[in-house]
Amino acid sequence: MNKEQLITLTKEFIHEATHYNMDYLDRIYSKDLTIVMVDENDQVSTMDKDQTLGYFKERLDSGAPPLSEESDFLYAGGDEKLAMVLVSRTMQFNARLEKMLFTLFWQKTDIGWQVVKESSSITPA
């Protein structure tokens, strides 16, 4: 997959995730998903697919407004099987404005491209 296709795919992913499209998220996240988050104190937390879907479902059910789609793509590259995107985002998260640096690992599966791994570094904006 080329850079432009990766950015387009990731923009779609960000849009659907920030608007809590649960069917899309269930399809786009791999069953083997692992998300690793590191905060400004180097505290590490992780979530699997079920926990991640639960987080978005909770936001949806509570009537939370969509998250920001503001994104700055720093890197996008890969081949026909595996790709990586690095994106910087600023959004209201955890009850404060935060700058988040995401690394997304996309893998081509029998049902299409899926996010298999994600990491984020989170600091106050």
PDB file of N, CA and C in Angstrom:
ATOM      1  N   MET A   1       0.852  -1.168   0.000  1.00  0.00           N
ATOM      2  CA  MET A   1       0.000   0.000   0.000  1.00  0.00           C
ATOM      3  C   MET A   1       0.902   1.236   0.000  1.00  0.00           C
ATOM      4  N   ASN A   2       0.573   2.208  -0.834  1.00  0.00           N
ATOM      5  CA  ASN A   2       1.409   3.405  -0.892  1.00  0.00           C
ATOM      6  C   ASN A   2       1.008   4.418   0.191  1.00  0.00           C
ATOM      7  N   LYS A   3       1.818   5.453   0.317  1.00  0.00           N
ATOM      8  CA  LYS A   3       1.638   6.450   1.372  1.00  0.00           C
ATOM      9  C   LYS A   3       0.259   7.103   1.327  1.00  0.00           C
ATOM     10  N   GLU A   4      -0.179   7.523   0.156  1.00  0.00           N
ATOM     11  CA  GLU A   4      -1.469   8.192   0.030  1.00  0.00           C
ATOM     12  C   GLU A   4      -2.626   7.273   0.428  1.00  0.00           C
ATOM     13  N   GLN A   5      -2.558   6.009   0.009  1.00  0.00           N
ATOM     14  CA  GLN A   5      -3.602   5.043   0.370  1.00  0.00           C
ATOM     15  C   GLN A   5      -3.636   4.816   1.882  1.00  0.00           C
ATOM     16  N   LEU A   6      -2.467   4.740   2.506  1.00  0.00           N
ATOM     17  CA  LEU A   6      -2.387   4.555   3.953  1.00  0.00           C
ATOM     18  C   LEU A   6      -2.979   5.740   4.697  1.00  0.00           C
ATOM     19  N   ILE A   7      -2.668   6.930   4.238  1.00  0.00           N
ATOM     20  CA  ILE A   7      -3.207   8.120   4.890  1.00  0.00           C
ATOM     21  C   ILE A   7      -4.719   8.167   4.719  1.00  0.00           C
ATOM     22  N   THR A   8      -5.215   7.847   3.541  1.00  0.00           N
ATOM     23  CA  THR A   8      -6.662   7.815   3.306  1.00  0.00           C
ATOM     24  C   THR A   8      -7.333   6.789   4.210  1.00  0.00           C
ATOM     25  N   LEU A   9      -6.765   5.593   4.294  1.00  0.00           N
ATOM     26  CA  LEU A   9      -7.305   4.541   5.161  1.00  0.00           C
ATOM     27  C   LEU A   9      -7.306   4.992   6.619  1.00  0.00           C
ATOM     28  N   THR A  10      -6.236   5.630   7.054  1.00  0.00           N
ATOM     29  CA  THR A  10      -6.121   6.060   8.442  1.00  0.00           C
ATOM     30  C   THR A  10      -7.057   7.227   8.743  1.00  0.00           C
ATOM     31  N   LYS A  11      -7.256   8.125   7.793  1.00  0.00           N
ATOM     32  CA  LYS A  11      -8.224   9.213   7.990  1.00  0.00           C
ATOM     33  C   LYS A  11      -9.635   8.643   8.150  1.00  0.00           C
ATOM     34  N   GLU A  12      -9.963   7.642   7.348  1.00  0.00           N
ATOM     35  CA  GLU A  12     -11.273   6.987   7.483  1.00  0.00           C
ATOM     36  C   GLU A  12     -11.394   6.347   8.867  1.00  0.00           C
ATOM     37  N   PHE A  13     -10.348   5.662   9.286  1.00  0.00           N
ATOM     38  CA  PHE A  13     -10.321   5.028  10.603  1.00  0.00           C
ATOM     39  C   PHE A  13     -10.523   6.070  11.707  1.00  0.00           C
ATOM     40  N   ILE A  14      -9.806   7.182  11.636  1.00  0.00           N
ATOM     41  CA  ILE A  14      -9.932   8.226  12.647  1.00  0.00           C
ATOM     42  C   ILE A  14     -11.355   8.775  12.664  1.00  0.00           C
ATOM     43  N   HIS A  15     -11.908   9.031  11.494  1.00  0.00           N
ATOM     44  CA  HIS A  15     -13.271   9.555  11.423  1.00  0.00           C
ATOM     45  C   HIS A  15     -14.273   8.597  12.067  1.00  0.00           C
ATOM     46  N   GLU A  16     -14.213   7.336  11.694  1.00  0.00           N
ATOM     47  CA  GLU A  16     -15.166   6.355  12.210  1.00  0.00           C
ATOM     48  C   GLU A  16     -14.971   6.130  13.711  1.00  0.00           C
ATOM     49  N   ALA A  17     -13.726   6.121  14.171  1.00  0.00           N
ATOM     50  CA  ALA A  17     -13.462   5.925  15.600  1.00  0.00           C
ATOM     51  C   ALA A  17     -13.930   7.128  16.413  1.00  0.00           C
ATOM     52  N   THR A  18     -13.665   8.332  15.920  1.00  0.00           N
ATOM     53  CA  THR A  18     -14.041   9.517  16.687  1.00  0.00           C
ATOM     54  C   THR A  18     -15.551   9.711  16.740  1.00  0.00           C
ATOM     55  N   HIS A  19     -16.279   9.056  15.827  1.00  0.00           N
ATOM     56  CA  HIS A  19     -17.743   9.117  15.823  1.00  0.00           C
ATOM     57  C   HIS A  19     -18.369   7.826  16.352  1.00  0.00           C
ATOM     58  N   TYR A  20     -17.537   6.955  16.928  1.00  0.00           N
ATOM     59  CA  TYR A  20     -17.990   5.757  17.645  1.00  0.00           C
ATOM     60  C   TYR A  20     -18.813   4.806  16.779  1.00  0.00           C
ATOM     61  N   ASN A  21     -18.370   4.576  15.548  1.00  0.00           N
ATOM     62  CA  ASN A  21     -19.029   3.623  14.657  1.00  0.00           C
ATOM     63  C   ASN A  21     -18.614   2.217  15.079  1.00  0.00           C
ATOM     64  N   MET A  22     -19.425   1.596  15.903  1.00  0.00           N
ATOM     65  CA  MET A  22     -19.065   0.327  16.536  1.00  0.00           C
ATOM     66  C   MET A  22     -18.907  -0.815  15.526  1.00  0.00           C
ATOM     67  N   ASP A  23     -19.753  -0.866  14.508  1.00  0.00           N
ATOM     68  CA  ASP A  23     -19.618  -1.927  13.501  1.00  0.00           C
ATOM     69  C   ASP A  23     -18.293  -1.799  12.765  1.00  0.00           C
ATOM     70  N   TYR A  24     -17.946  -0.586  12.389  1.00  0.00           N
ATOM     71  CA  TYR A  24     -16.680  -0.334  11.715  1.00  0.00           C
ATOM     72  C   TYR A  24     -15.505  -0.726  12.618  1.00  0.00           C
ATOM     73  N   LEU A  25     -15.545  -0.282  13.870  1.00  0.00           N
ATOM     74  CA  LEU A  25     -14.442  -0.573  14.792  1.00  0.00           C
ATOM     75  C   LEU A  25     -14.281  -2.069  15.027  1.00  0.00           C
ATOM     76  N   ASP A  26     -15.383  -2.782  15.142  1.00  0.00           N
ATOM     77  CA  ASP A  26     -15.314  -4.229  15.340  1.00  0.00           C
ATOM     78  C   ASP A  26     -14.643  -4.904  14.141  1.00  0.00           C
ATOM     79  N   ARG A  27     -14.889  -4.379  12.956  1.00  0.00           N
ATOM     80  CA  ARG A  27     -14.321  -4.954  11.734  1.00  0.00           C
ATOM     81  C   ARG A  27     -12.858  -4.534  11.543  1.00  0.00           C
ATOM     82  N   ILE A  28     -12.525  -3.281  11.848  1.00  0.00           N
ATOM     83  CA  ILE A  28     -11.190  -2.753  11.532  1.00  0.00           C
ATOM     84  C   ILE A  28     -10.132  -3.185  12.551  1.00  0.00           C
ATOM     85  N   TYR A  29     -10.560  -3.451  13.792  1.00  0.00           N
ATOM     86  CA  TYR A  29      -9.610  -3.912  14.805  1.00  0.00           C
ATOM     87  C   TYR A  29      -9.448  -5.422  14.710  1.00  0.00           C
ATOM     88  N   SER A  30      -8.219  -5.877  14.634  1.00  0.00           N
ATOM     89  CA  SER A  30      -7.909  -7.306  14.602  1.00  0.00           C
ATOM     90  C   SER A  30      -8.303  -7.965  15.923  1.00  0.00           C
ATOM     91  N   LYS A  31      -8.645  -9.230  15.851  1.00  0.00           N
ATOM     92  CA  LYS A  31      -8.938  -9.990  17.080  1.00  0.00           C
ATOM     93  C   LYS A  31      -7.706 -10.039  17.978  1.00  0.00           C
ATOM     94  N   ASP A  32      -6.527  -9.849  17.401  1.00  0.00           N
ATOM     95  CA  ASP A  32      -5.268  -9.886  18.150  1.00  0.00           C
ATOM     96  C   ASP A  32      -4.781  -8.491  18.552  1.00  0.00           C
ATOM     97  N   LEU A  33      -5.660  -7.502  18.510  1.00  0.00           N
ATOM     98  CA  LEU A  33      -5.287  -6.124  18.806  1.00  0.00           C
ATOM     99  C   LEU A  33      -4.643  -5.974  20.183  1.00  0.00           C
ATOM    100  N   THR A  34      -3.579  -5.191  20.204  1.00  0.00           N
ATOM    101  CA  THR A  34      -2.978  -4.721  21.449  1.00  0.00           C
ATOM    102  C   THR A  34      -2.721  -3.231  21.283  1.00  0.00           C
ATOM    103  N   ILE A  35      -3.211  -2.450  22.242  1.00  0.00           N
ATOM    104  CA  ILE A  35      -2.933  -1.017  22.277  1.00  0.00           C
ATOM    105  C   ILE A  35      -2.107  -0.755  23.531  1.00  0.00           C
ATOM    106  N   VAL A  36      -0.989  -0.057  23.356  1.00  0.00           N
ATOM    107  CA  VAL A  36      -0.103   0.296  24.461  1.00  0.00           C
ATOM    108  C   VAL A  36      -0.073   1.813  24.555  1.00  0.00           C
ATOM    109  N   MET A  37      -0.406   2.333  25.739  1.00  0.00           N
ATOM    110  CA  MET A  37      -0.422   3.775  25.963  1.00  0.00           C
ATOM    111  C   MET A  37       0.594   4.129  27.043  1.00  0.00           C
ATOM    112  N   VAL A  38       1.378   5.180  26.785  1.00  0.00           N
ATOM    113  CA  VAL A  38       2.381   5.650  27.736  1.00  0.00           C
ATOM    114  C   VAL A  38       2.077   7.115  28.030  1.00  0.00           C
ATOM    115  N   ASP A  39       1.918   7.446  29.325  1.00  0.00           N
ATOM    116  CA  ASP A  39       1.625   8.838  29.673  1.00  0.00           C
ATOM    117  C   ASP A  39       2.909   9.604  29.989  1.00  0.00           C
ATOM    118  N   GLU A  40       2.756  10.878  30.373  1.00  0.00           N
ATOM    119  CA  GLU A  40       3.914  11.740  30.605  1.00  0.00           C
ATOM    120  C   GLU A  40       4.768  11.312  31.791  1.00  0.00           C
ATOM    121  N   ASN A  41       4.251  10.407  32.634  1.00  0.00           N
ATOM    122  CA  ASN A  41       5.020   9.872  33.767  1.00  0.00           C
ATOM    123  C   ASN A  41       5.586   8.490  33.474  1.00  0.00           C
ATOM    124  N   ASP A  42       5.572   8.108  32.214  1.00  0.00           N
ATOM    125  CA  ASP A  42       6.047   6.802  31.746  1.00  0.00           C
ATOM    126  C   ASP A  42       5.232   5.644  32.318  1.00  0.00           C
ATOM    127  N   GLN A  43       3.995   5.914  32.713  1.00  0.00           N
ATOM    128  CA  GLN A  43       3.086   4.857  33.139  1.00  0.00           C
ATOM    129  C   GLN A  43       2.507   4.199  31.883  1.00  0.00           C
ATOM    130  N   VAL A  44       2.507   2.887  31.876  1.00  0.00           N
ATOM    131  CA  VAL A  44       2.063   2.130  30.712  1.00  0.00           C
ATOM    132  C   VAL A  44       0.748   1.430  31.020  1.00  0.00           C
ATOM    133  N   SER A  45      -0.188   1.543  30.087  1.00  0.00           N
ATOM    134  CA  SER A  45      -1.432   0.775  30.186  1.00  0.00           C
ATOM    135  C   SER A  45      -1.686   0.130  28.829  1.00  0.00           C
ATOM    136  N   THR A  46      -2.428  -0.956  28.844  1.00  0.00           N
ATOM    137  CA  THR A  46      -2.712  -1.677  27.614  1.00  0.00           C
ATOM    138  C   THR A  46      -4.201  -1.992  27.525  1.00  0.00           C
ATOM    139  N   MET A  47      -4.655  -2.188  26.297  1.00  0.00           N
ATOM    140  CA  MET A  47      -6.025  -2.625  26.055  1.00  0.00           C
ATOM    141  C   MET A  47      -6.014  -3.633  24.913  1.00  0.00           C
ATOM    142  N   ASP A  48      -6.908  -4.602  25.013  1.00  0.00           N
ATOM    143  CA  ASP A  48      -7.109  -5.538  23.909  1.00  0.00           C
ATOM    144  C   ASP A  48      -8.335  -5.091  23.122  1.00  0.00           C
ATOM    145  N   LYS A  49      -8.762  -5.893  22.164  1.00  0.00           N
ATOM    146  CA  LYS A  49      -9.891  -5.503  21.325  1.00  0.00           C
ATOM    147  C   LYS A  49     -11.164  -5.306  22.137  1.00  0.00           C
ATOM    148  N   ASP A  50     -11.497  -6.240  23.008  1.00  0.00           N
ATOM    149  CA  ASP A  50     -12.732  -6.121  23.793  1.00  0.00           C
ATOM    150  C   ASP A  50     -12.731  -4.870  24.669  1.00  0.00           C
ATOM    151  N   GLN A  51     -11.606  -4.580  25.304  1.00  0.00           N
ATOM    152  CA  GLN A  51     -11.510  -3.388  26.151  1.00  0.00           C
ATOM    153  C   GLN A  51     -11.625  -2.114  25.323  1.00  0.00           C
ATOM    154  N   THR A  52     -11.017  -2.120  24.150  1.00  0.00           N
ATOM    155  CA  THR A  52     -11.072  -0.953  23.277  1.00  0.00           C
ATOM    156  C   THR A  52     -12.493  -0.708  22.787  1.00  0.00           C
ATOM    157  N   LEU A  53     -13.160  -1.770  22.345  1.00  0.00           N
ATOM    158  CA  LEU A  53     -14.549  -1.625  21.912  1.00  0.00           C
ATOM    159  C   LEU A  53     -15.425  -1.173  23.080  1.00  0.00           C
ATOM    160  N   GLY A  54     -15.153  -1.672  24.272  1.00  0.00           N
ATOM    161  CA  GLY A  54     -15.893  -1.252  25.459  1.00  0.00           C
ATOM    162  C   GLY A  54     -15.717   0.225  25.737  1.00  0.00           C
ATOM    163  N   TYR A  55     -14.510   0.736  25.565  1.00  0.00           N
ATOM    164  CA  TYR A  55     -14.242   2.163  25.764  1.00  0.00           C
ATOM    165  C   TYR A  55     -15.089   3.007  24.808  1.00  0.00           C
ATOM    166  N   PHE A  56     -15.062   2.650  23.522  1.00  0.00           N
ATOM    167  CA  PHE A  56     -15.829   3.412  22.539  1.00  0.00           C
ATOM    168  C   PHE A  56     -17.332   3.261  22.757  1.00  0.00           C
ATOM    169  N   LYS A  57     -17.786   2.090  23.155  1.00  0.00           N
ATOM    170  CA  LYS A  57     -19.213   1.858  23.412  1.00  0.00           C
ATOM    171  C   LYS A  57     -19.671   2.714  24.600  1.00  0.00           C
ATOM    172  N   GLU A  58     -18.842   2.794  25.624  1.00  0.00           N
ATOM    173  CA  GLU A  58     -19.160   3.627  26.786  1.00  0.00           C
ATOM    174  C   GLU A  58     -19.311   5.090  26.384  1.00  0.00           C
ATOM    175  N   ARG A  59     -18.408   5.582  25.536  1.00  0.00           N
ATOM    176  CA  ARG A  59     -18.505   6.967  25.058  1.00  0.00           C
ATOM    177  C   ARG A  59     -19.776   7.160  24.248  1.00  0.00           C
ATOM    178  N   LEU A  60     -20.079   6.208  23.380  1.00  0.00           N
ATOM    179  CA  LEU A  60     -21.285   6.281  22.557  1.00  0.00           C
ATOM    180  C   LEU A  60     -22.529   6.307  23.433  1.00  0.00           C
ATOM    181  N   ASP A  61     -22.613   5.365  24.371  1.00  0.00           N
ATOM    182  CA  ASP A  61     -23.795   5.250  25.232  1.00  0.00           C
ATOM    183  C   ASP A  61     -23.987   6.466  26.142  1.00  0.00           C
ATOM    184  N   SER A  62     -22.895   7.115  26.504  1.00  0.00           N
ATOM    185  CA  SER A  62     -22.988   8.272  27.398  1.00  0.00           C
ATOM    186  C   SER A  62     -23.338   9.550  26.644  1.00  0.00           C
ATOM    187  N   GLY A  63     -23.361   9.488  25.320  1.00  0.00           N
ATOM    188  CA  GLY A  63     -23.654  10.677  24.533  1.00  0.00           C
ATOM    189  C   GLY A  63     -22.472  11.621  24.419  1.00  0.00           C
ATOM    190  N   ALA A  64     -21.275  11.108  24.653  1.00  0.00           N
ATOM    191  CA  ALA A  64     -20.072  11.946  24.564  1.00  0.00           C
ATOM    192  C   ALA A  64     -19.944  12.507  23.149  1.00  0.00           C
ATOM    193  N   PRO A  65     -19.508  13.755  23.038  1.00  0.00           N
ATOM    194  CA  PRO A  65     -19.313  14.316  21.697  1.00  0.00           C
ATOM    195  C   PRO A  65     -18.174  13.600  20.980  1.00  0.00           C
ATOM    196  N   PRO A  66     -18.170  13.652  19.658  1.00  0.00           N
ATOM    197  CA  PRO A  66     -17.070  13.024  18.918  1.00  0.00           C
ATOM    198  C   PRO A  66     -15.722  13.605  19.342  1.00  0.00           C
ATOM    199  N   LEU A  67     -14.700  12.778  19.289  1.00  0.00           N
ATOM    200  CA  LEU A  67     -13.340  13.238  19.543  1.00  0.00           C
ATOM    201  C   LEU A  67     -12.869  14.063  18.346  1.00  0.00           C
ATOM    202  N   SER A  68     -11.828  14.831  18.527  1.00  0.00           N
ATOM    203  CA  SER A  68     -11.267  15.638  17.445  1.00  0.00           C
ATOM    204  C   SER A  68     -10.680  14.738  16.357  1.00  0.00           C
ATOM    205  N   GLU A  69     -10.820  15.176  15.119  1.00  0.00           N
ATOM    206  CA  GLU A  69     -10.206  14.466  13.998  1.00  0.00           C
ATOM    207  C   GLU A  69      -8.904  15.129  13.558  1.00  0.00           C
ATOM    208  N   GLU A  70      -8.504  16.191  14.261  1.00  0.00           N
ATOM    209  CA  GLU A  70      -7.271  16.895  13.912  1.00  0.00           C
ATOM    210  C   GLU A  70      -6.112  15.904  13.898  1.00  0.00           C
ATOM    211  N   SER A  71      -5.402  15.843  12.781  1.00  0.00           N
ATOM    212  CA  SER A  71      -4.328  14.866  12.630  1.00  0.00           C
ATOM    213  C   SER A  71      -3.198  15.439  11.788  1.00  0.00           C
ATOM    214  N   ASP A  72      -1.975  15.142  12.199  1.00  0.00           N
ATOM    215  CA  ASP A  72      -0.796  15.518  11.437  1.00  0.00           C
ATOM    216  C   ASP A  72      -0.034  14.230  11.144  1.00  0.00           C
ATOM    217  N   PHE A  73      -0.026  13.839   9.881  1.00  0.00           N
ATOM    218  CA  PHE A  73       0.615  12.580   9.500  1.00  0.00           C
ATOM    219  C   PHE A  73       2.117  12.785   9.359  1.00  0.00           C
ATOM    220  N   LEU A  74       2.879  12.067  10.182  1.00  0.00           N
ATOM    221  CA  LEU A  74       4.329  12.207  10.216  1.00  0.00           C
ATOM    222  C   LEU A  74       5.030  11.156   9.374  1.00  0.00           C
ATOM    223  N   TYR A  75       4.400   9.988   9.229  1.00  0.00           N
ATOM    224  CA  TYR A  75       4.993   8.895   8.459  1.00  0.00           C
ATOM    225  C   TYR A  75       3.896   7.935   8.038  1.00  0.00           C
ATOM    226  N   ALA A  76       4.012   7.414   6.840  1.00  0.00           N
ATOM    227  CA  ALA A  76       3.128   6.353   6.365  1.00  0.00           C
ATOM    228  C   ALA A  76       3.910   5.531   5.355  1.00  0.00           C
ATOM    229  N   GLY A  77       4.025   4.238   5.631  1.00  0.00           N
ATOM    230  CA  GLY A  77       4.762   3.373   4.719  1.00  0.00           C
ATOM    231  C   GLY A  77       4.453   1.914   4.971  1.00  0.00           C
ATOM    232  N   GLY A  78       4.697   1.120   3.967  1.00  0.00           N
ATOM    233  CA  GLY A  78       4.469  -0.312   4.113  1.00  0.00           C
ATOM    234  C   GLY A  78       4.488  -1.001   2.770  1.00  0.00           C
ATOM    235  N   ASP A  79       4.027  -2.224   2.776  1.00  0.00           N
ATOM    236  CA  ASP A  79       3.954  -3.005   1.546  1.00  0.00           C
ATOM    237  C   ASP A  79       2.555  -3.594   1.426  1.00  0.00           C
ATOM    238  N   GLU A  80       2.410  -4.646   0.651  1.00  0.00           N
ATOM    239  CA  GLU A  80       1.074  -5.213   0.434  1.00  0.00           C
ATOM    240  C   GLU A  80       0.567  -6.070   1.595  1.00  0.00           C
ATOM    241  N   LYS A  81       1.376  -6.255   2.632  1.00  0.00           N
ATOM    242  CA  LYS A  81       0.969  -7.079   3.779  1.00  0.00           C
ATOM    243  C   LYS A  81       0.965  -6.352   5.117  1.00  0.00           C
ATOM    244  N   LEU A  82       1.897  -5.426   5.302  1.00  0.00           N
ATOM    245  CA  LEU A  82       2.066  -4.769   6.594  1.00  0.00           C
ATOM    246  C   LEU A  82       2.420  -3.303   6.378  1.00  0.00           C
ATOM    247  N   ALA A  83       1.817  -2.430   7.185  1.00  0.00           N
ATOM    248  CA  ALA A  83       2.076  -1.003   7.039  1.00  0.00           C
ATOM    249  C   ALA A  83       2.076  -0.332   8.404  1.00  0.00           C
ATOM    250  N   MET A  84       2.724   0.843   8.456  1.00  0.00           N
ATOM    251  CA  MET A  84       2.808   1.596   9.701  1.00  0.00           C
ATOM    252  C   MET A  84       2.512   3.064   9.406  1.00  0.00           C
ATOM    253  N   VAL A  85       1.743   3.679  10.299  1.00  0.00           N
ATOM    254  CA  VAL A  85       1.415   5.092  10.189  1.00  0.00           C
ATOM    255  C   VAL A  85       1.721   5.745  11.528  1.00  0.00           C
ATOM    256  N   LEU A  86       2.378   6.878  11.471  1.00  0.00           N
ATOM    257  CA  LEU A  86       2.687   7.669  12.662  1.00  0.00           C
ATOM    258  C   LEU A  86       1.930   8.979  12.519  1.00  0.00           C
ATOM    259  N   VAL A  87       1.065   9.267  13.504  1.00  0.00           N
ATOM    260  CA  VAL A  87       0.213  10.448  13.415  1.00  0.00           C
ATOM    261  C   VAL A  87       0.180  11.169  14.766  1.00  0.00           C
ATOM    262  N   SER A  88       0.295  12.490  14.700  1.00  0.00           N
ATOM    263  CA  SER A  88       0.220  13.325  15.890  1.00  0.00           C
ATOM    264  C   SER A  88      -1.173  13.933  15.941  1.00  0.00           C
ATOM    265  N   ARG A  89      -1.793  13.874  17.127  1.00  0.00           N
ATOM    266  CA  ARG A  89      -3.147  14.407  17.291  1.00  0.00           C
ATOM    267  C   ARG A  89      -3.237  15.166  18.607  1.00  0.00           C
ATOM    268  N   THR A  90      -4.032  16.222  18.620  1.00  0.00           N
ATOM    269  CA  THR A  90      -4.335  16.952  19.842  1.00  0.00           C
ATOM    270  C   THR A  90      -5.831  16.868  20.048  1.00  0.00           C
ATOM    271  N   MET A  91      -6.243  16.416  21.245  1.00  0.00           N
ATOM    272  CA  MET A  91      -7.669  16.279  21.501  1.00  0.00           C
ATOM    273  C   MET A  91      -7.968  16.287  22.989  1.00  0.00           C
ATOM    274  N   GLN A  92      -9.227  16.542  23.291  1.00  0.00           N
ATOM    275  CA  GLN A  92      -9.709  16.461  24.670  1.00  0.00           C
ATOM    276  C   GLN A  92      -9.837  14.979  25.008  1.00  0.00           C
ATOM    277  N   PHE A  93      -9.062  14.523  25.984  1.00  0.00           N
ATOM    278  CA  PHE A  93      -9.008  13.107  26.321  1.00  0.00           C
ATOM    279  C   PHE A  93      -8.655  13.005  27.798  1.00  0.00           C
ATOM    280  N   ASN A  94      -9.254  12.087  28.508  1.00  0.00           N
ATOM    281  CA  ASN A  94      -8.990  11.951  29.948  1.00  0.00           C
ATOM    282  C   ASN A  94      -9.219  13.270  30.681  1.00  0.00           C
ATOM    283  N   ALA A  95     -10.268  13.989  30.289  1.00  0.00           N
ATOM    284  CA  ALA A  95     -10.695  15.234  30.941  1.00  0.00           C
ATOM    285  C   ALA A  95      -9.678  16.368  30.837  1.00  0.00           C
ATOM    286  N   ARG A  96      -8.805  16.314  29.822  1.00  0.00           N
ATOM    287  CA  ARG A  96      -7.878  17.415  29.590  1.00  0.00           C
ATOM    288  C   ARG A  96      -7.462  17.403  28.118  1.00  0.00           C
ATOM    289  N   LEU A  97      -6.927  18.536  27.661  1.00  0.00           N
ATOM    290  CA  LEU A  97      -6.404  18.621  26.308  1.00  0.00           C
ATOM    291  C   LEU A  97      -5.062  17.913  26.277  1.00  0.00           C
ATOM    292  N   GLU A  98      -4.911  16.970  25.360  1.00  0.00           N
ATOM    293  CA  GLU A  98      -3.687  16.180  25.305  1.00  0.00           C
ATOM    294  C   GLU A  98      -3.132  16.113  23.896  1.00  0.00           C
ATOM    295  N   LYS A  99      -1.827  16.057  23.835  1.00  0.00           N
ATOM    296  CA  LYS A  99      -1.130  15.793  22.576  1.00  0.00           C
ATOM    297  C   LYS A  99      -0.806  14.308  22.582  1.00  0.00           C
ATOM    298  N   MET A 100      -1.205  13.647  21.514  1.00  0.00           N
ATOM    299  CA  MET A 100      -1.043  12.197  21.446  1.00  0.00           C
ATOM    300  C   MET A 100      -0.296  11.833  20.167  1.00  0.00           C
ATOM    301  N   LEU A 101       0.728  11.032  20.317  1.00  0.00           N
ATOM    302  CA  LEU A 101       1.495  10.530  19.185  1.00  0.00           C
ATOM    303  C   LEU A 101       1.139   9.059  19.027  1.00  0.00           C
ATOM    304  N   PHE A 102       0.468   8.732  17.917  1.00  0.00           N
ATOM    305  CA  PHE A 102       0.002   7.372  17.663  1.00  0.00           C
ATOM    306  C   PHE A 102       0.880   6.689  16.623  1.00  0.00           C
ATOM    307  N   THR A 103       1.167   5.421  16.854  1.00  0.00           N
ATOM    308  CA  THR A 103       1.760   4.562  15.846  1.00  0.00           C
ATOM    309  C   THR A 103       0.766   3.442  15.603  1.00  0.00           C
ATOM    310  N   LEU A 104       0.288   3.341  14.368  1.00  0.00           N
ATOM    311  CA  LEU A 104      -0.672   2.303  13.991  1.00  0.00           C
ATOM    312  C   LEU A 104       0.006   1.291  13.084  1.00  0.00           C
ATOM    313  N   PHE A 105      -0.182   0.026  13.384  1.00  0.00           N
ATOM    314  CA  PHE A 105       0.320  -1.051  12.537  1.00  0.00           C
ATOM    315  C   PHE A 105      -0.868  -1.715  11.861  1.00  0.00           C
ATOM    316  N   TRP A 106      -0.903  -1.602  10.551  1.00  0.00           N
ATOM    317  CA  TRP A 106      -1.956  -2.178   9.728  1.00  0.00           C
ATOM    318  C   TRP A 106      -1.456  -3.491   9.121  1.00  0.00           C
ATOM    319  N   GLN A 107      -2.339  -4.488   9.078  1.00  0.00           N
ATOM    320  CA  GLN A 107      -2.000  -5.766   8.459  1.00  0.00           C
ATOM    321  C   GLN A 107      -3.114  -6.160   7.498  1.00  0.00           C
ATOM    322  N   LYS A 108      -2.715  -6.632   6.331  1.00  0.00           N
ATOM    323  CA  LYS A 108      -3.686  -7.117   5.349  1.00  0.00           C
ATOM    324  C   LYS A 108      -4.114  -8.516   5.774  1.00  0.00           C
ATOM    325  N   THR A 109      -5.418  -8.702   5.983  1.00  0.00           N
ATOM    326  CA  THR A 109      -5.962  -9.991   6.397  1.00  0.00           C
ATOM    327  C   THR A 109      -6.945 -10.483   5.342  1.00  0.00           C
ATOM    328  N   ASP A 110      -7.532 -11.626   5.586  1.00  0.00           N
ATOM    329  CA  ASP A 110      -8.503 -12.172   4.633  1.00  0.00           C
ATOM    330  C   ASP A 110      -9.773 -11.326   4.555  1.00  0.00           C
ATOM    331  N   ILE A 111      -9.999 -10.417   5.513  1.00  0.00           N
ATOM    332  CA  ILE A 111     -11.175  -9.539   5.447  1.00  0.00           C
ATOM    333  C   ILE A 111     -10.797  -8.093   5.117  1.00  0.00           C
ATOM    334  N   GLY A 112      -9.539  -7.852   4.798  1.00  0.00           N
ATOM    335  CA  GLY A 112      -9.075  -6.512   4.441  1.00  0.00           C
ATOM    336  C   GLY A 112      -8.042  -5.999   5.435  1.00  0.00           C
ATOM    337  N   TRP A 113      -7.725  -4.726   5.344  1.00  0.00           N
ATOM    338  CA  TRP A 113      -6.741  -4.118   6.238  1.00  0.00           C
ATOM    339  C   TRP A 113      -7.328  -3.946   7.632  1.00  0.00           C
ATOM    340  N   GLN A 114      -6.549  -4.354   8.643  1.00  0.00           N
ATOM    341  CA  GLN A 114      -6.967  -4.227  10.036  1.00  0.00           C
ATOM    342  C   GLN A 114      -5.832  -3.647  10.869  1.00  0.00           C
ATOM    343  N   VAL A 115      -6.213  -2.935  11.934  1.00  0.00           N
ATOM    344  CA  VAL A 115      -5.235  -2.451  12.910  1.00  0.00           C
ATOM    345  C   VAL A 115      -4.919  -3.618  13.836  1.00  0.00           C
ATOM    346  N   VAL A 116      -3.640  -4.017  13.898  1.00  0.00           N
ATOM    347  CA  VAL A 116      -3.235  -5.135  14.744  1.00  0.00           C
ATOM    348  C   VAL A 116      -2.513  -4.670  16.001  1.00  0.00           C
ATOM    349  N   LYS A 117      -1.819  -3.563  15.898  1.00  0.00           N
ATOM    350  CA  LYS A 117      -1.098  -2.994  17.039  1.00  0.00           C
ATOM    351  C   LYS A 117      -1.215  -1.480  16.969  1.00  0.00           C
ATOM    352  N   GLU A 118      -1.250  -0.877  18.142  1.00  0.00           N
ATOM    353  CA  GLU A 118      -1.300   0.583  18.212  1.00  0.00           C
ATOM    354  C   GLU A 118      -0.558   0.994  19.469  1.00  0.00           C
ATOM    355  N   SER A 119       0.219   2.051  19.353  1.00  0.00           N
ATOM    356  CA  SER A 119       0.827   2.612  20.554  1.00  0.00           C
ATOM    357  C   SER A 119       0.543   4.106  20.551  1.00  0.00           C
ATOM    358  N   SER A 120       0.498   4.661  21.749  1.00  0.00           N
ATOM    359  CA  SER A 120       0.322   6.107  21.858  1.00  0.00           C
ATOM    360  C   SER A 120       1.125   6.635  23.033  1.00  0.00           C
ATOM    361  N   SER A 121       1.686   7.800  22.795  1.00  0.00           N
ATOM    362  CA  SER A 121       2.377   8.548  23.827  1.00  0.00           C
ATOM    363  C   SER A 121       1.517   9.763  24.105  1.00  0.00           C
ATOM    364  N   ILE A 122       1.168   9.952  25.379  1.00  0.00           N
ATOM    365  CA  ILE A 122       0.194  10.973  25.743  1.00  0.00           C
ATOM    366  C   ILE A 122       0.829  11.980  26.706  1.00  0.00           C
ATOM    367  N   THR A 123       0.731  13.277  26.326  1.00  0.00           N
ATOM    368  CA  THR A 123       1.231  14.342  27.190  1.00  0.00           C
ATOM    369  C   THR A 123       0.220  15.485  27.205  1.00  0.00           C
ATOM    370  N   PRO A 124       0.191  16.267  28.266  1.00  0.00           N
ATOM    371  CA  PRO A 124      -0.718  17.426  28.271  1.00  0.00           C
ATOM    372  C   PRO A 124      -0.345  18.382  27.123  1.00  0.00           C
ATOM    373  N   ALA A 125      -1.346  18.940  26.491  1.00  0.00           N
ATOM    374  CA  ALA A 125      -1.099  19.872  25.375  1.00  0.00           C
ATOM    375  C   ALA A 125      -0.807  21.262  25.913  1.00  0.00           C
TER     376      ALA A 125
END
